[in-house]
Amino acid sequence: MHDNVPARPAEAFRQRLLSRKTLLGSFLKTPTVHATEILGDLGFDFVVVDEEHAPFDRGQTELILLAARAAGTAAIVRVPEIARILGALDDGAAGVLVPHISSATRAREAAAACRYRGGRRGFSNSPRAGRYGGLGIWPHVDRQDAHVSLIAMIEDPEALAEIDAILATEGLDAVFIGRGDLTVALQAESTDAPPVQAAVETICTAAERAGKPVCMMVSSAAEAKRYHALGASAFIMASDQAFMRKAAAESLGSFAKEFAA
């Protein structure tokens, strides 16, 4: 049943992530396909569908996953809870970003939801991920286990005490440092405040010991370069809304300047 289908560009995302290639992505906050097509066309390595903080339902996410495939970019889904992992993966996500992995126990729960072998992922090869039944049971299992990425969000102070155990979780591919949540939880002045930076360094050092990649959200290429020196290799810059707001603000400002009295 055509089991030996070459990997699509999006399916190569996990290997590129694990190899610590420098990757650039963006959050998606608007439940339409257009931003995904534009970002993929521009050459972004991945997009992150933000089901946690934006108004996506499963149907909207599913369409964006199709748009990502058409645009040749990887689509990761930030799920609001572990129970939402199965639907995202069945619908063709290249992986999931799971919030608030604050303990090794929660890391194991997320990994179990993502993996067939050694995990507890519910089986079906009838959705997009199984090529609508085009892949047999075990080819589908092997293909998904080989290509699906699990990225844990480290954004709670209590996670720092268990960071080595979290990173040692079988099936966990990478960590994302949630500086925003850490800033609020630590009641720090900003994401660059010393307590937050200390947490970032703790996580990066632990990830280096574990040999696992680090993903971070950054505001600029210069900031990405700074964190790349600490070991981060995958970066999320802004979001579709932020890009639109920035471009709109620049256009408005230039217009106002030209037509100022």
Protein backbone atom coordinates (compact mmCIF):
# COMPACT_ATOMS: atom_id res chain seq x y z
CA MET A 1 0.00 0.00 0.00
CA HIS A 2 2.78 2.46 -0.94
CA ASP A 3 4.39 2.30 2.51
CA ASN A 4 7.80 3.54 1.32
CA VAL A 5 6.72 7.10 0.59
CA PRO A 6 9.59 9.65 0.82
CA ALA A 7 9.42 12.01 3.80
CA ARG A 8 7.84 15.38 3.08
CA PRO A 9 9.78 18.53 4.00
CA ALA A 10 7.66 18.92 7.14
CA GLU A 11 8.44 15.35 8.17
CA ALA A 12 12.14 16.21 8.13
CA PHE A 13 11.51 18.80 10.85
CA ARG A 14 12.24 16.44 13.74
CA GLN A 15 15.61 15.41 12.36
CA ARG A 16 16.55 19.03 11.75
CA LEU A 17 15.42 19.91 15.28
CA LEU A 18 17.37 17.05 16.87
CA SER A 19 20.43 17.95 14.80
CA ARG A 20 20.19 21.45 16.26
CA LYS A 21 19.94 23.16 12.92
CA THR A 22 19.12 26.85 13.27
CA LEU A 23 15.36 27.00 12.67
CA LEU A 24 12.97 29.95 12.48
CA GLY A 25 9.24 29.81 13.09
CA SER A 26 6.31 32.02 14.01
CA PHE A 27 3.20 31.65 16.11
CA LEU A 28 -0.19 31.66 14.39
CA LYS A 29 -2.92 33.50 16.28
CA THR A 30 -5.48 33.96 13.49
CA PRO A 31 -7.60 30.94 12.52
CA THR A 32 -7.16 31.22 8.75
CA VAL A 33 -4.86 29.46 6.29
CA HIS A 34 -3.41 32.57 4.66
CA ALA A 35 -0.65 33.44 7.13
CA THR A 36 0.61 29.86 6.99
CA GLU A 37 0.80 29.97 3.21
CA ILE A 38 2.62 33.31 3.29
CA LEU A 39 5.13 32.24 5.96
CA GLY A 40 5.76 28.94 4.21
CA ASP A 41 6.19 30.71 0.88
CA LEU A 42 8.75 33.04 2.47
CA GLY A 43 10.75 30.06 3.72
CA PHE A 44 9.96 29.88 7.44
CA ASP A 45 10.99 26.49 8.79
CA PHE A 46 7.86 26.04 10.88
CA VAL A 47 4.70 27.64 12.24
CA VAL A 48 3.05 27.07 15.60
CA VAL A 49 -0.74 26.92 15.73
CA ASP A 50 -1.56 28.46 19.11
CA GLU A 51 -4.54 26.55 20.41
CA GLU A 52 -3.65 27.61 23.97
CA HIS A 53 -3.99 31.38 23.59
CA ALA A 54 -5.89 31.89 20.34
CA PRO A 55 -9.41 30.92 19.12
CA PHE A 56 -8.72 27.71 17.18
CA ASP A 57 -11.04 24.74 17.06
CA ARG A 58 -9.98 21.38 15.65
CA GLY A 59 -11.49 22.07 12.23
CA GLN A 60 -9.58 25.32 11.85
CA THR A 61 -6.33 23.72 13.00
CA GLU A 62 -6.84 20.87 10.55
CA LEU A 63 -7.12 23.31 7.64
CA ILE A 64 -3.96 25.11 8.69
CA LEU A 65 -2.10 21.79 8.83
CA LEU A 66 -3.18 21.20 5.24
CA ALA A 67 -2.03 24.71 4.28
CA ALA A 68 1.35 24.06 5.91
CA ARG A 69 1.74 20.90 3.86
CA ALA A 70 0.89 22.82 0.68
CA ALA A 71 3.36 25.59 1.59
CA GLY A 72 6.17 23.16 2.42
CA THR A 73 6.61 24.18 6.04
CA ALA A 74 6.28 22.21 9.28
CA ALA A 75 3.26 22.91 11.47
CA ILE A 76 3.51 22.43 15.22
CA VAL A 77 0.42 22.73 17.43
CA ARG A 78 0.62 24.30 20.86
CA VAL A 79 -2.09 22.28 22.55
CA PRO A 80 -3.96 23.64 25.59
CA GLU A 81 -3.90 20.24 27.28
CA ILE A 82 -2.41 16.78 26.81
CA ALA A 83 -5.81 15.39 25.77
CA ARG A 84 -5.64 17.52 22.60
CA ILE A 85 -2.39 15.93 21.38
CA LEU A 86 -4.02 12.97 19.62
CA GLY A 87 -6.23 15.06 17.34
CA ALA A 88 -3.36 17.34 16.33
CA LEU A 89 -1.11 14.42 15.41
CA ASP A 90 -3.83 12.48 13.61
CA ASP A 91 -4.60 15.57 11.53
CA GLY A 92 -0.98 15.78 10.37
CA ALA A 93 0.92 18.04 12.76
CA ALA A 94 4.69 17.69 12.60
CA GLY A 95 4.67 17.82 16.37
CA VAL A 96 3.24 19.44 19.46
CA LEU A 97 4.33 22.12 21.89
CA VAL A 98 2.97 21.21 25.32
CA PRO A 99 2.60 23.97 27.95
CA HIS A 100 3.51 23.82 31.62
CA ILE A 101 5.67 20.73 31.72
CA SER A 102 6.59 21.36 35.34
CA SER A 103 7.51 17.83 36.37
CA ALA A 104 8.97 14.61 35.05
CA THR A 105 5.58 12.98 35.58
CA ARG A 106 3.87 15.45 33.27
CA ALA A 107 6.67 15.07 30.74
CA ARG A 108 6.10 11.30 30.70
CA GLU A 109 2.35 11.83 30.21
CA ALA A 110 2.98 14.07 27.21
CA ALA A 111 5.49 11.64 25.72
CA ALA A 112 3.10 8.71 26.15
CA ALA A 113 0.39 10.65 24.28
CA CYS A 114 2.77 11.26 21.35
CA ARG A 115 4.30 7.82 20.90
CA TYR A 116 2.93 4.47 19.79
CA ARG A 117 5.87 2.26 20.74
CA GLY A 118 6.59 2.74 24.41
CA GLY A 119 3.64 5.12 24.69
CA ARG A 120 -0.14 5.20 24.75
CA ARG A 121 -1.10 7.06 21.60
CA GLY A 122 -4.48 5.90 20.35
CA PHE A 123 -4.18 4.16 17.00
CA SER A 124 -5.87 5.06 13.76
CA ASN A 125 -4.33 5.16 10.29
CA SER A 126 -7.50 6.58 8.73
CA PRO A 127 -6.77 10.33 9.26
CA ARG A 128 -4.30 12.45 7.24
CA ALA A 129 -1.32 11.20 9.26
CA GLY A 130 -1.99 7.66 8.03
CA ARG A 131 -2.68 8.81 4.48
CA TYR A 132 -6.36 7.99 4.97
CA GLY A 133 -5.61 4.30 5.32
CA GLY A 134 -2.87 4.33 2.70
CA LEU A 135 -0.32 3.24 5.29
CA GLY A 136 -0.57 -0.14 6.98
CA ILE A 137 -0.66 -0.42 10.76
CA TRP A 138 3.04 -0.85 11.45
CA PRO A 139 4.37 1.39 8.67
CA HIS A 140 2.10 4.11 10.07
CA VAL A 141 3.33 3.47 13.63
CA ASP A 142 6.97 3.56 12.56
CA ARG A 143 6.54 6.65 10.40
CA GLN A 144 4.78 8.65 13.11
CA ASP A 145 7.21 7.64 15.85
CA ALA A 146 10.08 8.63 13.57
CA HIS A 147 8.72 12.03 12.53
CA VAL A 148 6.55 13.47 15.34
CA SER A 149 8.28 16.04 17.55
CA LEU A 150 7.45 16.61 21.21
CA ILE A 151 8.59 19.97 22.59
CA ALA A 152 7.98 20.66 26.28
CA MET A 153 7.39 24.19 27.49
CA ILE A 154 9.43 24.98 30.59
CA GLU A 155 7.67 27.99 32.05
CA ASP A 156 7.12 27.25 35.73
CA PRO A 157 9.70 27.84 38.48
CA GLU A 158 9.05 24.39 39.95
CA ALA A 159 10.20 22.82 36.67
CA LEU A 160 13.71 24.08 37.35
CA ALA A 161 14.08 21.70 40.28
CA GLU A 162 13.21 18.76 38.01
CA ILE A 163 14.78 19.96 34.80
CA ASP A 164 17.28 17.11 34.50
CA ALA A 165 14.56 14.49 35.05
CA ILE A 166 12.27 16.25 32.57
CA LEU A 167 14.98 16.31 29.92
CA ALA A 168 15.76 12.64 30.54
CA THR A 169 12.19 11.67 29.56
CA GLU A 170 12.16 9.09 26.78
CA GLY A 171 10.33 10.48 23.76
CA LEU A 172 10.86 14.13 24.69
CA ASP A 173 12.72 15.82 21.84
CA ALA A 174 13.29 19.41 22.95
CA VAL A 175 12.33 22.11 25.41
CA PHE A 176 10.88 25.56 24.81
CA ILE A 177 11.77 28.20 27.41
CA GLY A 178 8.65 30.21 28.21
CA ARG A 179 10.20 33.46 29.38
CA GLY A 180 6.85 35.26 29.56
CA ASP A 181 5.31 32.86 32.07
CA LEU A 182 8.58 32.63 33.99
CA THR A 183 8.69 36.43 34.22
CA VAL A 184 5.18 36.58 35.67
CA ALA A 185 5.69 33.62 38.00
CA LEU A 186 8.96 35.03 39.31
CA GLN A 187 7.39 38.52 39.54
CA ALA A 188 10.36 39.83 37.58
CA GLU A 189 10.50 43.24 35.96
CA SER A 190 10.99 41.94 32.43
CA THR A 191 12.01 38.89 30.42
CA ASP A 192 15.60 40.15 30.62
CA ALA A 193 15.58 40.50 34.41
CA PRO A 194 18.30 38.58 36.29
CA PRO A 195 15.98 35.91 37.81
CA VAL A 196 14.58 35.07 34.36
CA GLN A 197 18.01 35.01 32.76
CA ALA A 198 19.26 32.73 35.52
CA ALA A 199 16.39 30.35 34.78
CA VAL A 200 17.19 30.46 31.05
CA GLU A 201 20.82 29.61 31.73
CA THR A 202 19.84 26.77 34.07
CA ILE A 203 17.59 25.24 31.41
CA CYS A 204 20.12 25.69 28.60
CA THR A 205 22.89 24.12 30.67
CA ALA A 206 20.69 21.16 31.55
CA ALA A 207 19.66 20.73 27.90
CA GLU A 208 23.30 20.72 26.86
CA ARG A 209 24.02 17.98 29.42
CA ALA A 210 21.09 15.96 28.07
CA GLY A 211 22.02 16.60 24.44
CA LYS A 212 18.59 18.03 23.63
CA PRO A 213 17.75 21.18 21.67
CA VAL A 214 16.30 24.38 23.07
CA CYS A 215 13.64 26.54 21.44
CA MET A 216 12.97 30.15 22.43
CA MET A 217 10.78 33.04 21.43
CA VAL A 218 12.82 36.07 20.42
CA SER A 219 12.09 39.59 19.25
CA SER A 220 14.94 39.94 16.77
CA ALA A 221 17.77 38.15 14.99
CA ALA A 222 20.21 39.86 17.37
CA GLU A 223 18.40 38.41 20.37
CA ALA A 224 18.36 34.98 18.71
CA LYS A 225 22.12 35.24 18.21
CA ARG A 226 22.58 35.97 21.91
CA TYR A 227 20.60 32.90 22.96
CA HIS A 228 22.20 30.79 20.26
CA ALA A 229 25.45 31.32 22.16
CA LEU A 230 23.76 29.70 25.18
CA GLY A 231 22.73 26.68 23.12
CA ALA A 232 19.30 27.56 21.70
CA SER A 233 18.85 26.52 18.07
CA ALA A 234 15.14 26.87 17.24
CA PHE A 235 13.53 30.28 17.43
CA ILE A 236 9.99 31.61 17.25
CA MET A 237 9.78 35.22 16.14
CA ALA A 238 6.57 37.12 16.71
CA SER A 239 3.25 35.88 15.30
CA ASP A 240 1.07 36.51 12.27
CA GLN A 241 -0.75 39.22 14.24
CA ALA A 242 2.48 40.81 15.44
CA PHE A 243 3.92 40.89 11.92
CA MET A 244 0.72 42.50 10.63
CA ARG A 245 0.60 45.03 13.49
CA LYS A 246 4.24 46.02 12.97
CA ALA A 247 3.84 46.48 9.22
CA ALA A 248 0.56 48.35 9.66
CA ALA A 249 2.09 50.65 12.29
CA GLU A 250 5.04 51.43 10.03
CA SER A 251 2.72 52.22 7.11
CA LEU A 252 0.49 54.39 9.30
CA GLY A 253 3.49 56.24 10.69
CA SER A 254 5.00 56.92 7.28
CA PHE A 255 1.63 58.07 5.94
CA ALA A 256 1.10 60.41 8.90
CA LYS A 257 4.61 61.82 8.45
CA GLU A 258 4.13 62.55 4.75
CA PHE A 259 0.79 64.24 5.27
CA ALA A 260 1.57 66.05 8.51
CA ALA A 261 0.46 69.66 8.45
